[in-house]
Structures are given as structure tokens and as C-alpha cells.
Amino acid sequence: METRLQGVIEDILGSETPARDLDVKTSSEWDSLAHLNLILAMEEEFGIEIEPEDFPKLHSNYQGILDFLKQHMD
């Protein structure tokens, strides 16, 4: 799961920075479009539906996104 998530994040951000180092507060590649694209890509990659009220939970850092994904993959 982590390798797949890292690939999704790195594809969306097109960044040389490893996904594990993602922190949306300090990432120059992160914006609202990247946020929405990440949500859509995660839904497609992992076969889940992310409710709009959960979108703010995915506006954090790599570990926060991974934790969210683990909770919703059970």
C-alpha cells in the first residue's frame, strides 16, 4: 500500500521530493488542484470513495494521508 501511495503522490506532484517527505504546508508543488487530483488518483488506485467531508483530512502530510488510507482500506 505504501509503495502505491508514494507512486500516486509523486505522479500528482511531479516532484523530485520523495512522497514520504510530503508536507502540504511547505511543499511548493501543493495547491488545491493537486489536492483534488490526489483524491481522485487515490480513489482510482485503491478502489475507494472519499467523501467530500473527508477532503480536509487529506490536506496534511504523507503520514496523515497514509493513516487515512489505512483506516479506509479495512
PDB file of N, CA and C in Angstrom:
ATOM      1  N   MET A   1       0.827  -1.188   0.000  1.00  0.00           N
ATOM      2  CA  MET A   1       0.000   0.000   0.000  1.00  0.00           C
ATOM      3  C   MET A   1       0.876   1.259   0.000  1.00  0.00           C
ATOM      4  N   GLU A   2       1.924   1.259   0.818  1.00  0.00           N
ATOM      5  CA  GLU A   2       2.761   2.457   0.913  1.00  0.00           C
ATOM      6  C   GLU A   2       3.455   2.761  -0.407  1.00  0.00           C
ATOM      7  N   THR A   3       3.940   1.739  -1.074  1.00  0.00           N
ATOM      8  CA  THR A   3       4.624   1.954  -2.346  1.00  0.00           C
ATOM      9  C   THR A   3       3.663   2.519  -3.379  1.00  0.00           C
ATOM     10  N   ARG A   4       2.457   2.006  -3.400  1.00  0.00           N
ATOM     11  CA  ARG A   4       1.441   2.517  -4.330  1.00  0.00           C
ATOM     12  C   ARG A   4       1.092   3.966  -4.013  1.00  0.00           C
ATOM     13  N   LEU A   5       0.939   4.280  -2.727  1.00  0.00           N
ATOM     14  CA  LEU A   5       0.623   5.652  -2.330  1.00  0.00           C
ATOM     15  C   LEU A   5       1.760   6.592  -2.708  1.00  0.00           C
ATOM     16  N   GLN A   6       2.978   6.172  -2.456  1.00  0.00           N
ATOM     17  CA  GLN A   6       4.125   7.006  -2.822  1.00  0.00           C
ATOM     18  C   GLN A   6       4.118   7.300  -4.318  1.00  0.00           C
ATOM     19  N   GLY A   7       3.829   6.285  -5.133  1.00  0.00           N
ATOM     20  CA  GLY A   7       3.771   6.471  -6.575  1.00  0.00           C
ATOM     21  C   GLY A   7       2.687   7.456  -6.982  1.00  0.00           C
ATOM     22  N   VAL A   8       1.519   7.347  -6.353  1.00  0.00           N
ATOM     23  CA  VAL A   8       0.412   8.261  -6.657  1.00  0.00           C
ATOM     24  C   VAL A   8       0.805   9.688  -6.327  1.00  0.00           C
ATOM     25  N   ILE A   9       1.355   9.901  -5.149  1.00  0.00           N
ATOM     26  CA  ILE A   9       1.736  11.253  -4.720  1.00  0.00           C
ATOM     27  C   ILE A   9       2.810  11.822  -5.640  1.00  0.00           C
ATOM     28  N   GLU A  10       3.810  11.026  -5.933  1.00  0.00           N
ATOM     29  CA  GLU A  10       4.891  11.513  -6.782  1.00  0.00           C
ATOM     30  C   GLU A  10       4.407  11.807  -8.195  1.00  0.00           C
ATOM     31  N   ASP A  11       3.460  11.012  -8.705  1.00  0.00           N
ATOM     32  CA  ASP A  11       2.887  11.289 -10.027  1.00  0.00           C
ATOM     33  C   ASP A  11       2.106  12.599 -10.027  1.00  0.00           C
ATOM     34  N   ILE A  12       1.325  12.818  -8.992  1.00  0.00           N
ATOM     35  CA  ILE A  12       0.493  14.023  -8.926  1.00  0.00           C
ATOM     36  C   ILE A  12       1.352  15.268  -8.774  1.00  0.00           C
ATOM     37  N   LEU A  13       2.328  15.220  -7.904  1.00  0.00           N
ATOM     38  CA  LEU A  13       3.140  16.410  -7.650  1.00  0.00           C
ATOM     39  C   LEU A  13       4.244  16.611  -8.680  1.00  0.00           C
ATOM     40  N   GLY A  14       4.614  15.541  -9.383  1.00  0.00           N
ATOM     41  CA  GLY A  14       5.692  15.669 -10.347  1.00  0.00           C
ATOM     42  C   GLY A  14       6.951  16.216  -9.714  1.00  0.00           C
ATOM     43  N   SER A  15       7.198  15.792  -8.520  1.00  0.00           N
ATOM     44  CA  SER A  15       8.275  16.359  -7.717  1.00  0.00           C
ATOM     45  C   SER A  15       9.441  15.394  -7.594  1.00  0.00           C
ATOM     46  N   GLU A  16      10.593  15.968  -7.403  1.00  0.00           N
ATOM     47  CA  GLU A  16      11.776  15.169  -7.112  1.00  0.00           C
ATOM     48  C   GLU A  16      11.826  14.793  -5.629  1.00  0.00           C
ATOM     49  N   THR A  17      11.021  15.443  -4.834  1.00  0.00           N
ATOM     50  CA  THR A  17      10.978  15.163  -3.404  1.00  0.00           C
ATOM     51  C   THR A  17      10.239  13.846  -3.175  1.00  0.00           C
ATOM     52  N   PRO A  18      10.812  12.923  -2.416  1.00  0.00           N
ATOM     53  CA  PRO A  18      10.111  11.665  -2.130  1.00  0.00           C
ATOM     54  C   PRO A  18       8.777  11.922  -1.433  1.00  0.00           C
ATOM     55  N   ALA A  19       7.789  11.117  -1.767  1.00  0.00           N
ATOM     56  CA  ALA A  19       6.456  11.274  -1.191  1.00  0.00           C
ATOM     57  C   ALA A  19       6.490  11.236   0.325  1.00  0.00           C
ATOM     58  N   ARG A  20       7.387  10.435   0.898  1.00  0.00           N
ATOM     59  CA  ARG A  20       7.460  10.325   2.368  1.00  0.00           C
ATOM     60  C   ARG A  20       7.776  11.661   3.017  1.00  0.00           C
ATOM     61  N   ASP A  21       8.367  12.575   2.274  1.00  0.00           N
ATOM     62  CA  ASP A  21       8.728  13.882   2.818  1.00  0.00           C
ATOM     63  C   ASP A  21       7.655  14.945   2.570  1.00  0.00           C
ATOM     64  N   LEU A  22       6.526  14.533   1.994  1.00  0.00           N
ATOM     65  CA  LEU A  22       5.469  15.497   1.683  1.00  0.00           C
ATOM     66  C   LEU A  22       4.916  16.139   2.945  1.00  0.00           C
ATOM     67  N   ASP A  23       4.857  17.439   2.928  1.00  0.00           N
ATOM     68  CA  ASP A  23       4.162  18.222   3.942  1.00  0.00           C
ATOM     69  C   ASP A  23       3.512  19.360   3.181  1.00  0.00           C
ATOM     70  N   VAL A  24       2.186  19.345   3.123  1.00  0.00           N
ATOM     71  CA  VAL A  24       1.491  20.306   2.267  1.00  0.00           C
ATOM     72  C   VAL A  24       1.718  21.752   2.705  1.00  0.00           C
ATOM     73  N   LYS A  25       2.114  21.953   3.942  1.00  0.00           N
ATOM     74  CA  LYS A  25       2.359  23.318   4.421  1.00  0.00           C
ATOM     75  C   LYS A  25       3.646  23.904   3.860  1.00  0.00           C
ATOM     76  N   THR A  26       4.576  23.035   3.460  1.00  0.00           N
ATOM     77  CA  THR A  26       5.856  23.523   2.982  1.00  0.00           C
ATOM     78  C   THR A  26       6.147  23.153   1.531  1.00  0.00           C
ATOM     79  N   SER A  27       5.287  22.387   0.908  1.00  0.00           N
ATOM     80  CA  SER A  27       5.519  21.930  -0.461  1.00  0.00           C
ATOM     81  C   SER A  27       5.128  23.011  -1.468  1.00  0.00           C
ATOM     82  N   SER A  28       6.060  23.375  -2.323  1.00  0.00           N
ATOM     83  CA  SER A  28       5.762  24.381  -3.344  1.00  0.00           C
ATOM     84  C   SER A  28       4.890  23.796  -4.452  1.00  0.00           C
ATOM     85  N   GLU A  29       4.873  22.470  -4.588  1.00  0.00           N
ATOM     86  CA  GLU A  29       4.063  21.825  -5.623  1.00  0.00           C
ATOM     87  C   GLU A  29       2.603  21.640  -5.204  1.00  0.00           C
ATOM     88  N   TRP A  30       2.319  21.813  -3.929  1.00  0.00           N
ATOM     89  CA  TRP A  30       0.977  21.529  -3.411  1.00  0.00           C
ATOM     90  C   TRP A  30       0.078  22.738  -3.553  1.00  0.00           C
ATOM     91  N   ASP A  31      -1.073  22.524  -4.165  1.00  0.00           N
ATOM     92  CA  ASP A  31      -2.107  23.547  -4.251  1.00  0.00           C
ATOM     93  C   ASP A  31      -3.456  22.839  -4.279  1.00  0.00           C
ATOM     94  N   SER A  32      -4.525  23.599  -4.433  1.00  0.00           N
ATOM     95  CA  SER A  32      -5.857  22.994  -4.372  1.00  0.00           C
ATOM     96  C   SER A  32      -6.092  22.010  -5.518  1.00  0.00           C
ATOM     97  N   LEU A  33      -5.534  22.278  -6.674  1.00  0.00           N
ATOM     98  CA  LEU A  33      -5.688  21.352  -7.794  1.00  0.00           C
ATOM     99  C   LEU A  33      -4.939  20.044  -7.515  1.00  0.00           C
ATOM    100  N   ALA A  34      -3.755  20.134  -6.963  1.00  0.00           N
ATOM    101  CA  ALA A  34      -3.009  18.928  -6.594  1.00  0.00           C
ATOM    102  C   ALA A  34      -3.771  18.125  -5.547  1.00  0.00           C
ATOM    103  N   HIS A  35      -4.412  18.814  -4.621  1.00  0.00           N
ATOM    104  CA  HIS A  35      -5.200  18.155  -3.575  1.00  0.00           C
ATOM    105  C   HIS A  35      -6.333  17.347  -4.201  1.00  0.00           C
ATOM    106  N   LEU A  36      -7.082  17.962  -5.095  1.00  0.00           N
ATOM    107  CA  LEU A  36      -8.191  17.261  -5.746  1.00  0.00           C
ATOM    108  C   LEU A  36      -7.683  16.127  -6.628  1.00  0.00           C
ATOM    109  N   ASN A  37      -6.608  16.358  -7.348  1.00  0.00           N
ATOM    110  CA  ASN A  37      -6.042  15.308  -8.193  1.00  0.00           C
ATOM    111  C   ASN A  37      -5.566  14.122  -7.360  1.00  0.00           C
ATOM    112  N   LEU A  38      -5.001  14.398  -6.189  1.00  0.00           N
ATOM    113  CA  LEU A  38      -4.568  13.319  -5.311  1.00  0.00           C
ATOM    114  C   LEU A  38      -5.769  12.499  -4.845  1.00  0.00           C
ATOM    115  N   ILE A  39      -6.830  13.156  -4.468  1.00  0.00           N
ATOM    116  CA  ILE A  39      -8.030  12.454  -4.020  1.00  0.00           C
ATOM    117  C   ILE A  39      -8.562  11.553  -5.128  1.00  0.00           C
ATOM    118  N   LEU A  40      -8.677  12.090  -6.338  1.00  0.00           N
ATOM    119  CA  LEU A  40      -9.177  11.299  -7.468  1.00  0.00           C
ATOM    120  C   LEU A  40      -8.249  10.122  -7.772  1.00  0.00           C
ATOM    121  N   ALA A  41      -6.953  10.362  -7.740  1.00  0.00           N
ATOM    122  CA  ALA A  41      -5.985   9.301  -8.030  1.00  0.00           C
ATOM    123  C   ALA A  41      -6.019   8.216  -6.959  1.00  0.00           C
ATOM    124  N   MET A  42      -6.191   8.603  -5.702  1.00  0.00           N
ATOM    125  CA  MET A  42      -6.290   7.612  -4.626  1.00  0.00           C
ATOM    126  C   MET A  42      -7.560   6.778  -4.783  1.00  0.00           C
ATOM    127  N   GLU A  43      -8.656   7.413  -5.130  1.00  0.00           N
ATOM    128  CA  GLU A  43      -9.894   6.671  -5.338  1.00  0.00           C
ATOM    129  C   GLU A  43      -9.710   5.628  -6.438  1.00  0.00           C
ATOM    130  N   GLU A  44      -9.087   6.024  -7.515  1.00  0.00           N
ATOM    131  CA  GLU A  44      -8.875   5.114  -8.631  1.00  0.00           C
ATOM    132  C   GLU A  44      -7.874   4.009  -8.274  1.00  0.00           C
ATOM    133  N   GLU A  45      -6.759   4.378  -7.690  1.00  0.00           N
ATOM    134  CA  GLU A  45      -5.698   3.406  -7.374  1.00  0.00           C
ATOM    135  C   GLU A  45      -6.139   2.372  -6.347  1.00  0.00           C
ATOM    136  N   PHE A  46      -6.902   2.809  -5.349  1.00  0.00           N
ATOM    137  CA  PHE A  46      -7.241   1.921  -4.246  1.00  0.00           C
ATOM    138  C   PHE A  46      -8.696   1.457  -4.261  1.00  0.00           C
ATOM    139  N   GLY A  47      -9.476   1.884  -5.238  1.00  0.00           N
ATOM    140  CA  GLY A  47     -10.855   1.434  -5.349  1.00  0.00           C
ATOM    141  C   GLY A  47     -11.720   1.848  -4.184  1.00  0.00           C
ATOM    142  N   ILE A  48     -11.505   3.070  -3.704  1.00  0.00           N
ATOM    143  CA  ILE A  48     -12.292   3.584  -2.582  1.00  0.00           C
ATOM    144  C   ILE A  48     -13.008   4.853  -3.019  1.00  0.00           C
ATOM    145  N   GLU A  49     -13.992   5.239  -2.229  1.00  0.00           N
ATOM    146  CA  GLU A  49     -14.668   6.513  -2.457  1.00  0.00           C
ATOM    147  C   GLU A  49     -14.383   7.395  -1.251  1.00  0.00           C
ATOM    148  N   ILE A  50     -13.861   8.571  -1.531  1.00  0.00           N
ATOM    149  CA  ILE A  50     -13.533   9.513  -0.462  1.00  0.00           C
ATOM    150  C   ILE A  50     -14.617  10.583  -0.430  1.00  0.00           C
ATOM    151  N   GLU A  51     -15.289  10.658   0.682  1.00  0.00           N
ATOM    152  CA  GLU A  51     -16.398  11.600   0.838  1.00  0.00           C
ATOM    153  C   GLU A  51     -15.861  13.036   0.943  1.00  0.00           C
ATOM    154  N   PRO A  52     -16.592  13.997   0.393  1.00  0.00           N
ATOM    155  CA  PRO A  52     -16.144  15.391   0.454  1.00  0.00           C
ATOM    156  C   PRO A  52     -15.816  15.882   1.857  1.00  0.00           C
ATOM    157  N   GLU A  53     -16.530  15.395   2.861  1.00  0.00           N
ATOM    158  CA  GLU A  53     -16.238  15.845   4.227  1.00  0.00           C
ATOM    159  C   GLU A  53     -14.890  15.318   4.725  1.00  0.00           C
ATOM    160  N   ASP A  54     -14.327  14.329   4.027  1.00  0.00           N
ATOM    161  CA  ASP A  54     -13.014  13.801   4.400  1.00  0.00           C
ATOM    162  C   ASP A  54     -11.861  14.502   3.676  1.00  0.00           C
ATOM    163  N   PHE A  55     -12.165  15.342   2.706  1.00  0.00           N
ATOM    164  CA  PHE A  55     -11.106  16.017   1.943  1.00  0.00           C
ATOM    165  C   PHE A  55     -10.115  16.764   2.834  1.00  0.00           C
ATOM    166  N   PRO A  56     -10.574  17.491   3.868  1.00  0.00           N
ATOM    167  CA  PRO A  56      -9.603  18.201   4.724  1.00  0.00           C
ATOM    168  C   PRO A  56      -8.628  17.272   5.441  1.00  0.00           C
ATOM    169  N   LYS A  57      -9.036  16.024   5.685  1.00  0.00           N
ATOM    170  CA  LYS A  57      -8.151  15.071   6.358  1.00  0.00           C
ATOM    171  C   LYS A  57      -6.954  14.721   5.474  1.00  0.00           C
ATOM    172  N   LEU A  58      -7.083  14.933   4.176  1.00  0.00           N
ATOM    173  CA  LEU A  58      -6.015  14.616   3.235  1.00  0.00           C
ATOM    174  C   LEU A  58      -5.172  15.833   2.908  1.00  0.00           C
ATOM    175  N   HIS A  59      -5.346  16.871   3.668  1.00  0.00           N
ATOM    176  CA  HIS A  59      -4.568  18.104   3.473  1.00  0.00           C
ATOM    177  C   HIS A  59      -3.601  18.233   4.636  1.00  0.00           C
ATOM    178  N   SER A  60      -2.654  17.296   4.678  1.00  0.00           N
ATOM    179  CA  SER A  60      -1.734  17.280   5.814  1.00  0.00           C
ATOM    180  C   SER A  60      -0.335  16.930   5.332  1.00  0.00           C
ATOM    181  N   ASN A  61       0.101  15.727   5.641  1.00  0.00           N
ATOM    182  CA  ASN A  61       1.427  15.276   5.239  1.00  0.00           C
ATOM    183  C   ASN A  61       1.316  13.814   4.838  1.00  0.00           C
ATOM    184  N   TYR A  62       2.436  13.242   4.424  1.00  0.00           N
ATOM    185  CA  TYR A  62       2.410  11.861   3.940  1.00  0.00           C
ATOM    186  C   TYR A  62       1.835  10.907   4.987  1.00  0.00           C
ATOM    187  N   GLN A  63       2.289  11.001   6.216  1.00  0.00           N
ATOM    188  CA  GLN A  63       1.826  10.070   7.246  1.00  0.00           C
ATOM    189  C   GLN A  63       0.330  10.224   7.500  1.00  0.00           C
ATOM    190  N   GLY A  64      -0.168  11.449   7.495  1.00  0.00           N
ATOM    191  CA  GLY A  64      -1.597  11.676   7.683  1.00  0.00           C
ATOM    192  C   GLY A  64      -2.423  11.061   6.561  1.00  0.00           C
ATOM    193  N   ILE A  65      -1.932  11.180   5.343  1.00  0.00           N
ATOM    194  CA  ILE A  65      -2.623  10.597   4.190  1.00  0.00           C
ATOM    195  C   ILE A  65      -2.577   9.076   4.277  1.00  0.00           C
ATOM    196  N   LEU A  66      -1.424   8.522   4.640  1.00  0.00           N
ATOM    197  CA  LEU A  66      -1.290   7.076   4.786  1.00  0.00           C
ATOM    198  C   LEU A  66      -2.209   6.556   5.885  1.00  0.00           C
ATOM    199  N   ASP A  67      -2.272   7.239   7.008  1.00  0.00           N
ATOM    200  CA  ASP A  67      -3.151   6.825   8.105  1.00  0.00           C
ATOM    201  C   ASP A  67      -4.612   6.825   7.656  1.00  0.00           C
ATOM    202  N   PHE A  68      -5.013   7.859   6.939  1.00  0.00           N
ATOM    203  CA  PHE A  68      -6.384   7.931   6.430  1.00  0.00           C
ATOM    204  C   PHE A  68      -6.660   6.732   5.525  1.00  0.00           C
ATOM    205  N   LEU A  69      -5.749   6.461   4.629  1.00  0.00           N
ATOM    206  CA  LEU A  69      -5.919   5.369   3.690  1.00  0.00           C
ATOM    207  C   LEU A  69      -6.020   4.035   4.407  1.00  0.00           C
ATOM    208  N   LYS A  70      -5.175   3.806   5.384  1.00  0.00           N
ATOM    209  CA  LYS A  70      -5.228   2.552   6.143  1.00  0.00           C
ATOM    210  C   LYS A  70      -6.583   2.375   6.838  1.00  0.00           C
ATOM    211  N   GLN A  71      -7.129   3.453   7.360  1.00  0.00           N
ATOM    212  CA  GLN A  71      -8.430   3.378   8.046  1.00  0.00           C
ATOM    213  C   GLN A  71      -9.548   3.038   7.073  1.00  0.00           C
ATOM    214  N   HIS A  72      -9.422   3.482   5.829  1.00  0.00           N
ATOM    215  CA  HIS A  72     -10.495   3.299   4.871  1.00  0.00           C
ATOM    216  C   HIS A  72     -10.324   2.084   3.963  1.00  0.00           C
ATOM    217  N   MET A  73      -9.229   1.374   4.146  1.00  0.00           N
ATOM    218  CA  MET A  73      -8.997   0.169   3.355  1.00  0.00           C
ATOM    219  C   MET A  73      -9.411  -1.089   4.107  1.00  0.00           C
ATOM    220  N   ASP A  74      -9.754  -0.963   5.383  1.00  0.00           N
ATOM    221  CA  ASP A  74     -10.137  -2.141   6.183  1.00  0.00           C
ATOM    222  C   ASP A  74     -11.494  -2.656   5.792  1.00  0.00           C
TER     223      ASP A  74
END
